[in-house]
Amino acid sequence: MKKLMQASLVGDVSTLTGILPDDPLFDQMVCPNVTQTPLHAASLRGHTAFAFEMLRLKPELRRTRNRDGYCPIHLASMWGCVGGTAGGAGAQAPPSF
């Protein structure tokens, strides 16, 4: 999980897709005692490609709230990372976002 969190901090999608098949903790991210997921970290930092890939792989994370009560879309929108040109030209959010 530590390597996955580090990848989320820099928006490293290739590490994300390389880690997930081998990370048994990935399935445990959606539980009441996990309050900060790599999706939260990526959303807060504007790493939209990473966030979209996380949502594609684990769509139920979109509802996970951090300790302050914010879900990833709240964090992204608070910091201006949703809509407009976020993610670059042609970037599209998955339907679950």
PDB file of N, CA and C in Angstrom:
ATOM      1  N   MET A   1       0.829  -1.192   0.000  1.00  0.00           N
ATOM      2  CA  MET A   1       0.000   0.000   0.000  1.00  0.00           C
ATOM      3  C   MET A   1       0.872   1.254   0.000  1.00  0.00           C
ATOM      4  N   LYS A   2       2.036   1.196   0.639  1.00  0.00           N
ATOM      5  CA  LYS A   2       2.918   2.354   0.709  1.00  0.00           C
ATOM      6  C   LYS A   2       3.378   2.769  -0.687  1.00  0.00           C
ATOM      7  N   LYS A   3       3.740   1.792  -1.506  1.00  0.00           N
ATOM      8  CA  LYS A   3       4.196   2.085  -2.864  1.00  0.00           C
ATOM      9  C   LYS A   3       3.063   2.676  -3.699  1.00  0.00           C
ATOM     10  N   LEU A   4       1.856   2.183  -3.496  1.00  0.00           N
ATOM     11  CA  LEU A   4       0.693   2.705  -4.202  1.00  0.00           C
ATOM     12  C   LEU A   4       0.414   4.146  -3.785  1.00  0.00           C
ATOM     13  N   MET A   5       0.530   4.445  -2.505  1.00  0.00           N
ATOM     14  CA  MET A   5       0.321   5.816  -2.029  1.00  0.00           C
ATOM     15  C   MET A   5       1.394   6.739  -2.602  1.00  0.00           C
ATOM     16  N   GLN A   6       2.626   6.283  -2.646  1.00  0.00           N
ATOM     17  CA  GLN A   6       3.697   7.100  -3.225  1.00  0.00           C
ATOM     18  C   GLN A   6       3.419   7.391  -4.699  1.00  0.00           C
ATOM     19  N   ALA A   7       2.927   6.400  -5.422  1.00  0.00           N
ATOM     20  CA  ALA A   7       2.588   6.595  -6.833  1.00  0.00           C
ATOM     21  C   ALA A   7       1.469   7.620  -6.981  1.00  0.00           C
ATOM     22  N   SER A   8       0.515   7.608  -6.077  1.00  0.00           N
ATOM     23  CA  SER A   8      -0.604   8.561  -6.147  1.00  0.00           C
ATOM     24  C   SER A   8      -0.139   9.991  -5.907  1.00  0.00           C
ATOM     25  N   LEU A   9       0.883  10.169  -5.100  1.00  0.00           N
ATOM     26  CA  LEU A   9       1.380  11.511  -4.785  1.00  0.00           C
ATOM     27  C   LEU A   9       2.028  12.194  -5.982  1.00  0.00           C
ATOM     28  N   VAL A  10       2.532  11.390  -6.917  1.00  0.00           N
ATOM     29  CA  VAL A  10       3.171  11.957  -8.108  1.00  0.00           C
ATOM     30  C   VAL A  10       2.364  11.679  -9.375  1.00  0.00           C
ATOM     31  N   GLY A  11       1.261  10.944  -9.254  1.00  0.00           N
ATOM     32  CA  GLY A  11       0.404  10.649 -10.397  1.00  0.00           C
ATOM     33  C   GLY A  11       0.972   9.606 -11.341  1.00  0.00           C
ATOM     34  N   ASP A  12       1.713   8.657 -10.817  1.00  0.00           N
ATOM     35  CA  ASP A  12       2.385   7.638 -11.617  1.00  0.00           C
ATOM     36  C   ASP A  12       1.430   6.488 -11.968  1.00  0.00           C
ATOM     37  N   VAL A  13       0.767   6.590 -13.114  1.00  0.00           N
ATOM     38  CA  VAL A  13      -0.227   5.606 -13.537  1.00  0.00           C
ATOM     39  C   VAL A  13       0.414   4.261 -13.844  1.00  0.00           C
ATOM     40  N   SER A  14       1.610   4.256 -14.428  1.00  0.00           N
ATOM     41  CA  SER A  14       2.244   2.976 -14.770  1.00  0.00           C
ATOM     42  C   SER A  14       2.561   2.166 -13.517  1.00  0.00           C
ATOM     43  N   THR A  15       2.983   2.836 -12.454  1.00  0.00           N
ATOM     44  CA  THR A  15       3.206   2.121 -11.195  1.00  0.00           C
ATOM     45  C   THR A  15       1.886   1.600 -10.651  1.00  0.00           C
ATOM     46  N   LEU A  16       0.840   2.403 -10.736  1.00  0.00           N
ATOM     47  CA  LEU A  16      -0.492   1.982 -10.281  1.00  0.00           C
ATOM     48  C   LEU A  16      -0.912   0.689 -10.964  1.00  0.00           C
ATOM     49  N   THR A  17      -0.834   0.650 -12.278  1.00  0.00           N
ATOM     50  CA  THR A  17      -1.288  -0.537 -12.992  1.00  0.00           C
ATOM     51  C   THR A  17      -0.343  -1.718 -12.800  1.00  0.00           C
ATOM     52  N   GLY A  18       0.904  -1.446 -12.483  1.00  0.00           N
ATOM     53  CA  GLY A  18       1.847  -2.525 -12.222  1.00  0.00           C
ATOM     54  C   GLY A  18       1.737  -3.115 -10.832  1.00  0.00           C
ATOM     55  N   ILE A  19       1.305  -2.308  -9.873  1.00  0.00           N
ATOM     56  CA  ILE A  19       1.212  -2.748  -8.476  1.00  0.00           C
ATOM     57  C   ILE A  19      -0.069  -3.525  -8.198  1.00  0.00           C
ATOM     58  N   LEU A  20      -1.163  -3.071  -8.724  1.00  0.00           N
ATOM     59  CA  LEU A  20      -2.467  -3.583  -8.311  1.00  0.00           C
ATOM     60  C   LEU A  20      -2.643  -5.087  -8.356  1.00  0.00           C
ATOM     61  N   PRO A  21      -2.197  -5.754  -9.395  1.00  0.00           N
ATOM     62  CA  PRO A  21      -2.397  -7.202  -9.386  1.00  0.00           C
ATOM     63  C   PRO A  21      -1.675  -7.896  -8.226  1.00  0.00           C
ATOM     64  N   ASP A  22      -0.628  -7.279  -7.721  1.00  0.00           N
ATOM     65  CA  ASP A  22       0.172  -7.896  -6.667  1.00  0.00           C
ATOM     66  C   ASP A  22      -0.118  -7.360  -5.266  1.00  0.00           C
ATOM     67  N   ASP A  23      -0.975  -6.356  -5.137  1.00  0.00           N
ATOM     68  CA  ASP A  23      -1.206  -5.723  -3.842  1.00  0.00           C
ATOM     69  C   ASP A  23      -2.481  -6.259  -3.189  1.00  0.00           C
ATOM     70  N   PRO A  24      -2.341  -7.144  -2.187  1.00  0.00           N
ATOM     71  CA  PRO A  24      -3.528  -7.711  -1.541  1.00  0.00           C
ATOM     72  C   PRO A  24      -4.325  -6.669  -0.752  1.00  0.00           C
ATOM     73  N   LEU A  25      -3.709  -5.555  -0.407  1.00  0.00           N
ATOM     74  CA  LEU A  25      -4.404  -4.515   0.357  1.00  0.00           C
ATOM     75  C   LEU A  25      -5.329  -3.669  -0.514  1.00  0.00           C
ATOM     76  N   PHE A  26      -5.189  -3.763  -1.823  1.00  0.00           N
ATOM     77  CA  PHE A  26      -6.031  -2.962  -2.709  1.00  0.00           C
ATOM     78  C   PHE A  26      -7.509  -3.248  -2.483  1.00  0.00           C
ATOM     79  N   ASP A  27      -7.839  -4.495  -2.242  1.00  0.00           N
ATOM     80  CA  ASP A  27      -9.237  -4.855  -2.004  1.00  0.00           C
ATOM     81  C   ASP A  27      -9.743  -4.393  -0.645  1.00  0.00           C
ATOM     82  N   GLN A  28      -8.854  -4.047   0.259  1.00  0.00           N
ATOM     83  CA  GLN A  28      -9.244  -3.616   1.599  1.00  0.00           C
ATOM     84  C   GLN A  28      -9.371  -2.099   1.728  1.00  0.00           C
ATOM     85  N   MET A  29      -9.167  -1.367   0.641  1.00  0.00           N
ATOM     86  CA  MET A  29      -9.236   0.096   0.712  1.00  0.00           C
ATOM     87  C   MET A  29     -10.630   0.613   0.999  1.00  0.00           C
ATOM     88  N   VAL A  30     -11.635  -0.140   0.620  1.00  0.00           N
ATOM     89  CA  VAL A  30     -13.007   0.306   0.846  1.00  0.00           C
ATOM     90  C   VAL A  30     -13.523  -0.354   2.115  1.00  0.00           C
ATOM     91  N   CYS A  31     -13.206   0.248   3.234  1.00  0.00           N
ATOM     92  CA  CYS A  31     -13.699  -0.230   4.522  1.00  0.00           C
ATOM     93  C   CYS A  31     -13.746   0.960   5.472  1.00  0.00           C
ATOM     94  N   PRO A  32     -14.522   0.875   6.529  1.00  0.00           N
ATOM     95  CA  PRO A  32     -14.731   2.017   7.418  1.00  0.00           C
ATOM     96  C   PRO A  32     -13.465   2.602   8.050  1.00  0.00           C
ATOM     97  N   ASN A  33     -12.442   1.802   8.274  1.00  0.00           N
ATOM     98  CA  ASN A  33     -11.279   2.346   8.961  1.00  0.00           C
ATOM     99  C   ASN A  33     -10.209   2.904   8.023  1.00  0.00           C
ATOM    100  N   VAL A  34     -10.420   2.851   6.707  1.00  0.00           N
ATOM    101  CA  VAL A  34      -9.505   3.483   5.766  1.00  0.00           C
ATOM    102  C   VAL A  34     -10.058   4.865   5.446  1.00  0.00           C
ATOM    103  N   THR A  35      -9.333   5.899   5.845  1.00  0.00           N
ATOM    104  CA  THR A  35      -9.848   7.257   5.679  1.00  0.00           C
ATOM    105  C   THR A  35      -9.102   8.068   4.642  1.00  0.00           C
ATOM    106  N   GLN A  36      -7.975   7.607   4.174  1.00  0.00           N
ATOM    107  CA  GLN A  36      -7.231   8.324   3.143  1.00  0.00           C
ATOM    108  C   GLN A  36      -6.711   7.297   2.142  1.00  0.00           C
ATOM    109  N   THR A  37      -7.299   7.275   0.976  1.00  0.00           N
ATOM    110  CA  THR A  37      -6.891   6.319  -0.049  1.00  0.00           C
ATOM    111  C   THR A  37      -5.958   7.009  -1.046  1.00  0.00           C
ATOM    112  N   PRO A  38      -5.268   6.228  -1.871  1.00  0.00           N
ATOM    113  CA  PRO A  38      -4.478   6.843  -2.935  1.00  0.00           C
ATOM    114  C   PRO A  38      -5.349   7.690  -3.875  1.00  0.00           C
ATOM    115  N   LEU A  39      -6.619   7.339  -4.018  1.00  0.00           N
ATOM    116  CA  LEU A  39      -7.519   8.149  -4.837  1.00  0.00           C
ATOM    117  C   LEU A  39      -7.702   9.534  -4.231  1.00  0.00           C
ATOM    118  N   HIS A  40      -7.834   9.619  -2.918  1.00  0.00           N
ATOM    119  CA  HIS A  40      -7.931  10.925  -2.255  1.00  0.00           C
ATOM    120  C   HIS A  40      -6.663  11.744  -2.506  1.00  0.00           C
ATOM    121  N   ALA A  41      -5.518  11.109  -2.340  1.00  0.00           N
ATOM    122  CA  ALA A  41      -4.243  11.808  -2.514  1.00  0.00           C
ATOM    123  C   ALA A  41      -4.087  12.320  -3.944  1.00  0.00           C
ATOM    124  N   ALA A  42      -4.404  11.490  -4.926  1.00  0.00           N
ATOM    125  CA  ALA A  42      -4.282  11.896  -6.326  1.00  0.00           C
ATOM    126  C   ALA A  42      -5.278  13.001  -6.664  1.00  0.00           C
ATOM    127  N   SER A  43      -6.495  12.892  -6.155  1.00  0.00           N
ATOM    128  CA  SER A  43      -7.525  13.905  -6.419  1.00  0.00           C
ATOM    129  C   SER A  43      -7.134  15.251  -5.845  1.00  0.00           C
ATOM    130  N   LEU A  44      -6.595  15.243  -4.670  1.00  0.00           N
ATOM    131  CA  LEU A  44      -6.176  16.476  -3.999  1.00  0.00           C
ATOM    132  C   LEU A  44      -5.055  17.176  -4.757  1.00  0.00           C
ATOM    133  N   ARG A  45      -4.202  16.397  -5.422  1.00  0.00           N
ATOM    134  CA  ARG A  45      -3.053  16.960  -6.120  1.00  0.00           C
ATOM    135  C   ARG A  45      -3.305  17.198  -7.605  1.00  0.00           C
ATOM    136  N   GLY A  46      -4.517  16.882  -8.070  1.00  0.00           N
ATOM    137  CA  GLY A  46      -4.853  17.135  -9.468  1.00  0.00           C
ATOM    138  C   GLY A  46      -4.330  16.105 -10.447  1.00  0.00           C
ATOM    139  N   HIS A  47      -4.006  14.918  -9.966  1.00  0.00           N
ATOM    140  CA  HIS A  47      -3.519  13.853 -10.846  1.00  0.00           C
ATOM    141  C   HIS A  47      -4.720  13.107 -11.422  1.00  0.00           C
ATOM    142  N   THR A  48      -5.359  13.725 -12.409  1.00  0.00           N
ATOM    143  CA  THR A  48      -6.613  13.191 -12.921  1.00  0.00           C
ATOM    144  C   THR A  48      -6.451  11.845 -13.618  1.00  0.00           C
ATOM    145  N   ALA A  49      -5.381  11.658 -14.373  1.00  0.00           N
ATOM    146  CA  ALA A  49      -5.191  10.377 -15.057  1.00  0.00           C
ATOM    147  C   ALA A  49      -5.087   9.237 -14.042  1.00  0.00           C
ATOM    148  N   PHE A  50      -4.361   9.475 -12.957  1.00  0.00           N
ATOM    149  CA  PHE A  50      -4.223   8.475 -11.903  1.00  0.00           C
ATOM    150  C   PHE A  50      -5.587   8.231 -11.245  1.00  0.00           C
ATOM    151  N   ALA A  51      -6.289   9.311 -10.931  1.00  0.00           N
ATOM    152  CA  ALA A  51      -7.596   9.193 -10.287  1.00  0.00           C
ATOM    153  C   ALA A  51      -8.586   8.430 -11.171  1.00  0.00           C
ATOM    154  N   PHE A  52      -8.606   8.738 -12.461  1.00  0.00           N
ATOM    155  CA  PHE A  52      -9.527   8.055 -13.365  1.00  0.00           C
ATOM    156  C   PHE A  52      -9.202   6.574 -13.468  1.00  0.00           C
ATOM    157  N   GLU A  53      -7.921   6.242 -13.495  1.00  0.00           N
ATOM    158  CA  GLU A  53      -7.532   4.832 -13.563  1.00  0.00           C
ATOM    159  C   GLU A  53      -7.916   4.102 -12.271  1.00  0.00           C
ATOM    160  N   MET A  54      -7.723   4.757 -11.131  1.00  0.00           N
ATOM    161  CA  MET A  54      -8.148   4.150  -9.855  1.00  0.00           C
ATOM    162  C   MET A  54      -9.652   3.887  -9.873  1.00  0.00           C
ATOM    163  N   LEU A  55     -10.411   4.844 -10.372  1.00  0.00           N
ATOM    164  CA  LEU A  55     -11.863   4.678 -10.428  1.00  0.00           C
ATOM    165  C   LEU A  55     -12.275   3.582 -11.404  1.00  0.00           C
ATOM    166  N   ARG A  56     -11.529   3.446 -12.482  1.00  0.00           N
ATOM    167  CA  ARG A  56     -11.832   2.371 -13.429  1.00  0.00           C
ATOM    168  C   ARG A  56     -11.599   1.005 -12.773  1.00  0.00           C
ATOM    169  N   LEU A  57     -10.526   0.909 -12.002  1.00  0.00           N
ATOM    170  CA  LEU A  57     -10.167  -0.353 -11.364  1.00  0.00           C
ATOM    171  C   LEU A  57     -10.980  -0.638 -10.100  1.00  0.00           C
ATOM    172  N   LYS A  58     -11.369   0.405  -9.400  1.00  0.00           N
ATOM    173  CA  LYS A  58     -12.061   0.243  -8.113  1.00  0.00           C
ATOM    174  C   LYS A  58     -13.123   1.352  -7.980  1.00  0.00           C
ATOM    175  N   PRO A  59     -14.219   1.283  -8.742  1.00  0.00           N
ATOM    176  CA  PRO A  59     -15.212   2.362  -8.764  1.00  0.00           C
ATOM    177  C   PRO A  59     -15.845   2.675  -7.406  1.00  0.00           C
ATOM    178  N   GLU A  60     -15.902   1.701  -6.521  1.00  0.00           N
ATOM    179  CA  GLU A  60     -16.530   1.960  -5.217  1.00  0.00           C
ATOM    180  C   GLU A  60     -15.728   2.946  -4.363  1.00  0.00           C
ATOM    181  N   LEU A  61     -14.495   3.233  -4.739  1.00  0.00           N
ATOM    182  CA  LEU A  61     -13.700   4.220  -3.992  1.00  0.00           C
ATOM    183  C   LEU A  61     -14.256   5.633  -4.119  1.00  0.00           C
ATOM    184  N   ARG A  62     -15.082   5.877  -5.125  1.00  0.00           N
ATOM    185  CA  ARG A  62     -15.615   7.227  -5.319  1.00  0.00           C
ATOM    186  C   ARG A  62     -16.448   7.695  -4.124  1.00  0.00           C
ATOM    187  N   ARG A  63     -16.961   6.767  -3.354  1.00  0.00           N
ATOM    188  CA  ARG A  63     -17.803   7.119  -2.196  1.00  0.00           C
ATOM    189  C   ARG A  63     -17.033   7.150  -0.875  1.00  0.00           C
ATOM    190  N   THR A  64     -15.786   6.738  -0.885  1.00  0.00           N
ATOM    191  CA  THR A  64     -14.995   6.682   0.345  1.00  0.00           C
ATOM    192  C   THR A  64     -14.672   8.094   0.812  1.00  0.00           C
ATOM    193  N   ARG A  65     -14.939   8.369   2.072  1.00  0.00           N
ATOM    194  CA  ARG A  65     -14.681   9.702   2.632  1.00  0.00           C
ATOM    195  C   ARG A  65     -13.440   9.677   3.506  1.00  0.00           C
ATOM    196  N   ASN A  66     -12.705  10.780   3.457  1.00  0.00           N
ATOM    197  CA  ASN A  66     -11.518  10.878   4.314  1.00  0.00           C
ATOM    198  C   ASN A  66     -11.938  11.285   5.720  1.00  0.00           C
ATOM    199  N   ARG A  67     -10.983  11.482   6.593  1.00  0.00           N
ATOM    200  CA  ARG A  67     -11.310  11.800   7.997  1.00  0.00           C
ATOM    201  C   ARG A  67     -12.033  13.134   8.158  1.00  0.00           C
ATOM    202  N   ASP A  68     -11.940  14.002   7.136  1.00  0.00           N
ATOM    203  CA  ASP A  68     -12.654  15.278   7.172  1.00  0.00           C
ATOM    204  C   ASP A  68     -14.036  15.199   6.538  1.00  0.00           C
ATOM    205  N   GLY A  69     -14.405  14.018   6.045  1.00  0.00           N
ATOM    206  CA  GLY A  69     -15.717  13.809   5.462  1.00  0.00           C
ATOM    207  C   GLY A  69     -15.814  14.056   3.968  1.00  0.00           C
ATOM    208  N   TYR A  70     -14.671  14.253   3.308  1.00  0.00           N
ATOM    209  CA  TYR A  70     -14.678  14.533   1.881  1.00  0.00           C
ATOM    210  C   TYR A  70     -14.415  13.277   1.055  1.00  0.00           C
ATOM    211  N   CYS A  71     -15.173  13.133  -0.021  1.00  0.00           N
ATOM    212  CA  CYS A  71     -14.889  12.069  -0.970  1.00  0.00           C
ATOM    213  C   CYS A  71     -13.924  12.645  -2.016  1.00  0.00           C
ATOM    214  N   PRO A  72     -13.320  11.808  -2.855  1.00  0.00           N
ATOM    215  CA  PRO A  72     -12.323  12.299  -3.810  1.00  0.00           C
ATOM    216  C   PRO A  72     -12.816  13.427  -4.720  1.00  0.00           C
ATOM    217  N   ILE A  73     -14.067  13.367  -5.175  1.00  0.00           N
ATOM    218  CA  ILE A  73     -14.567  14.427  -6.061  1.00  0.00           C
ATOM    219  C   ILE A  73     -14.651  15.758  -5.320  1.00  0.00           C
ATOM    220  N   HIS A  74     -14.960  15.734  -4.022  1.00  0.00           N
ATOM    221  CA  HIS A  74     -14.958  16.970  -3.233  1.00  0.00           C
ATOM    222  C   HIS A  74     -13.565  17.592  -3.232  1.00  0.00           C
ATOM    223  N   LEU A  75     -12.555  16.765  -2.985  1.00  0.00           N
ATOM    224  CA  LEU A  75     -11.179  17.262  -2.931  1.00  0.00           C
ATOM    225  C   LEU A  75     -10.754  17.842  -4.270  1.00  0.00           C
ATOM    226  N   ALA A  76     -11.064  17.133  -5.340  1.00  0.00           N
ATOM    227  CA  ALA A  76     -10.678  17.607  -6.666  1.00  0.00           C
ATOM    228  C   ALA A  76     -11.358  18.932  -6.997  1.00  0.00           C
ATOM    229  N   SER A  77     -12.631  19.047  -6.675  1.00  0.00           N
ATOM    230  CA  SER A  77     -13.345  20.275  -7.011  1.00  0.00           C
ATOM    231  C   SER A  77     -12.919  21.443  -6.121  1.00  0.00           C
ATOM    232  N   MET A  78     -12.582  21.171  -4.879  1.00  0.00           N
ATOM    233  CA  MET A  78     -12.121  22.246  -3.981  1.00  0.00           C
ATOM    234  C   MET A  78     -10.831  22.883  -4.484  1.00  0.00           C
ATOM    235  N   TRP A  79     -10.013  22.094  -5.159  1.00  0.00           N
ATOM    236  CA  TRP A  79      -8.718  22.586  -5.633  1.00  0.00           C
ATOM    237  C   TRP A  79      -8.722  22.872  -7.127  1.00  0.00           C
ATOM    238  N   GLY A  80      -9.915  22.922  -7.738  1.00  0.00           N
ATOM    239  CA  GLY A  80     -10.022  23.295  -9.140  1.00  0.00           C
ATOM    240  C   GLY A  80      -9.567  22.236 -10.116  1.00  0.00           C
ATOM    241  N   CYS A  81      -9.661  20.980  -9.737  1.00  0.00           N
ATOM    242  CA  CYS A  81      -9.176  19.893 -10.591  1.00  0.00           C
ATOM    243  C   CYS A  81     -10.295  19.160 -11.313  1.00  0.00           C
ATOM    244  N   VAL A  82     -11.488  19.722 -11.339  1.00  0.00           N
ATOM    245  CA  VAL A  82     -12.616  19.081 -12.012  1.00  0.00           C
ATOM    246  C   VAL A  82     -13.187  20.053 -13.023  1.00  0.00           C
ATOM    247  N   GLY A  83     -13.455  19.559 -14.215  1.00  0.00           N
ATOM    248  CA  GLY A  83     -14.044  20.393 -15.253  1.00  0.00           C
ATOM    249  C   GLY A  83     -13.003  21.248 -15.942  1.00  0.00           C
ATOM    250  N   GLY A  84     -13.441  22.071 -16.869  1.00  0.00           N
ATOM    251  CA  GLY A  84     -12.526  22.952 -17.584  1.00  0.00           C
ATOM    252  C   GLY A  84     -11.427  22.179 -18.276  1.00  0.00           C
ATOM    253  N   THR A  85     -10.185  22.539 -18.003  1.00  0.00           N
ATOM    254  CA  THR A  85      -9.059  21.906 -18.674  1.00  0.00           C
ATOM    255  C   THR A  85      -8.347  20.911 -17.775  1.00  0.00           C
ATOM    256  N   ALA A  86      -8.923  20.572 -16.649  1.00  0.00           N
ATOM    257  CA  ALA A  86      -8.269  19.620 -15.738  1.00  0.00           C
ATOM    258  C   ALA A  86      -7.973  18.328 -16.466  1.00  0.00           C
ATOM    259  N   GLY A  87      -6.769  17.852 -16.347  1.00  0.00           N
ATOM    260  CA  GLY A  87      -6.383  16.601 -16.979  1.00  0.00           C
ATOM    261  C   GLY A  87      -5.912  16.758 -18.406  1.00  0.00           C
ATOM    262  N   GLY A  88      -5.916  17.978 -18.905  1.00  0.00           N
ATOM    263  CA  GLY A  88      -5.422  18.214 -20.261  1.00  0.00           C
ATOM    264  C   GLY A  88      -6.533  18.115 -21.283  1.00  0.00           C
ATOM    265  N   ALA A  89      -6.214  18.522 -22.473  1.00  0.00           N
ATOM    266  CA  ALA A  89      -7.199  18.526 -23.557  1.00  0.00           C
ATOM    267  C   ALA A  89      -7.655  17.107 -23.855  1.00  0.00           C
ATOM    268  N   GLY A  90      -8.941  16.936 -23.965  1.00  0.00           N
ATOM    269  CA  GLY A  90      -9.498  15.647 -24.333  1.00  0.00           C
ATOM    270  C   GLY A  90      -9.666  14.665 -23.184  1.00  0.00           C
ATOM    271  N   ALA A  91      -9.267  15.029 -21.976  1.00  0.00           N
ATOM    272  CA  ALA A  91      -9.424  14.121 -20.843  1.00  0.00           C
ATOM    273  C   ALA A  91     -10.896  14.010 -20.499  1.00  0.00           C
ATOM    274  N   GLN A  92     -11.346  12.802 -20.245  1.00  0.00           N
ATOM    275  CA  GLN A  92     -12.739  12.588 -19.892  1.00  0.00           C
ATOM    276  C   GLN A  92     -12.819  11.770 -18.616  1.00  0.00           C
ATOM    277  N   ALA A  93     -13.728  12.177 -17.761  1.00  0.00           N
ATOM    278  CA  ALA A  93     -13.950  11.423 -16.533  1.00  0.00           C
ATOM    279  C   ALA A  93     -14.732  10.160 -16.843  1.00  0.00           C
ATOM    280  N   PRO A  94     -14.456   9.075 -16.132  1.00  0.00           N
ATOM    281  CA  PRO A  94     -15.270   7.881 -16.309  1.00  0.00           C
ATOM    282  C   PRO A  94     -16.672   8.150 -15.773  1.00  0.00           C
ATOM    283  N   PRO A  95     -17.671   7.386 -16.212  1.00  0.00           N
ATOM    284  CA  PRO A  95     -19.048   7.622 -15.785  1.00  0.00           C
ATOM    285  C   PRO A  95     -19.226   7.622 -14.277  1.00  0.00           C
ATOM    286  N   SER A  96     -18.437   6.861 -13.542  1.00  0.00           N
ATOM    287  CA  SER A  96     -18.615   6.783 -12.097  1.00  0.00           C
ATOM    288  C   SER A  96     -18.071   7.989 -11.369  1.00  0.00           C
ATOM    289  N   PHE A  97     -17.290   8.833 -12.033  1.00  0.00           N
ATOM    290  CA  PHE A  97     -16.705  10.000 -11.389  1.00  0.00           C
ATOM    291  C   PHE A  97     -17.710  11.101 -11.388  1.00  0.00           C
TER     292      PHE A  97
END
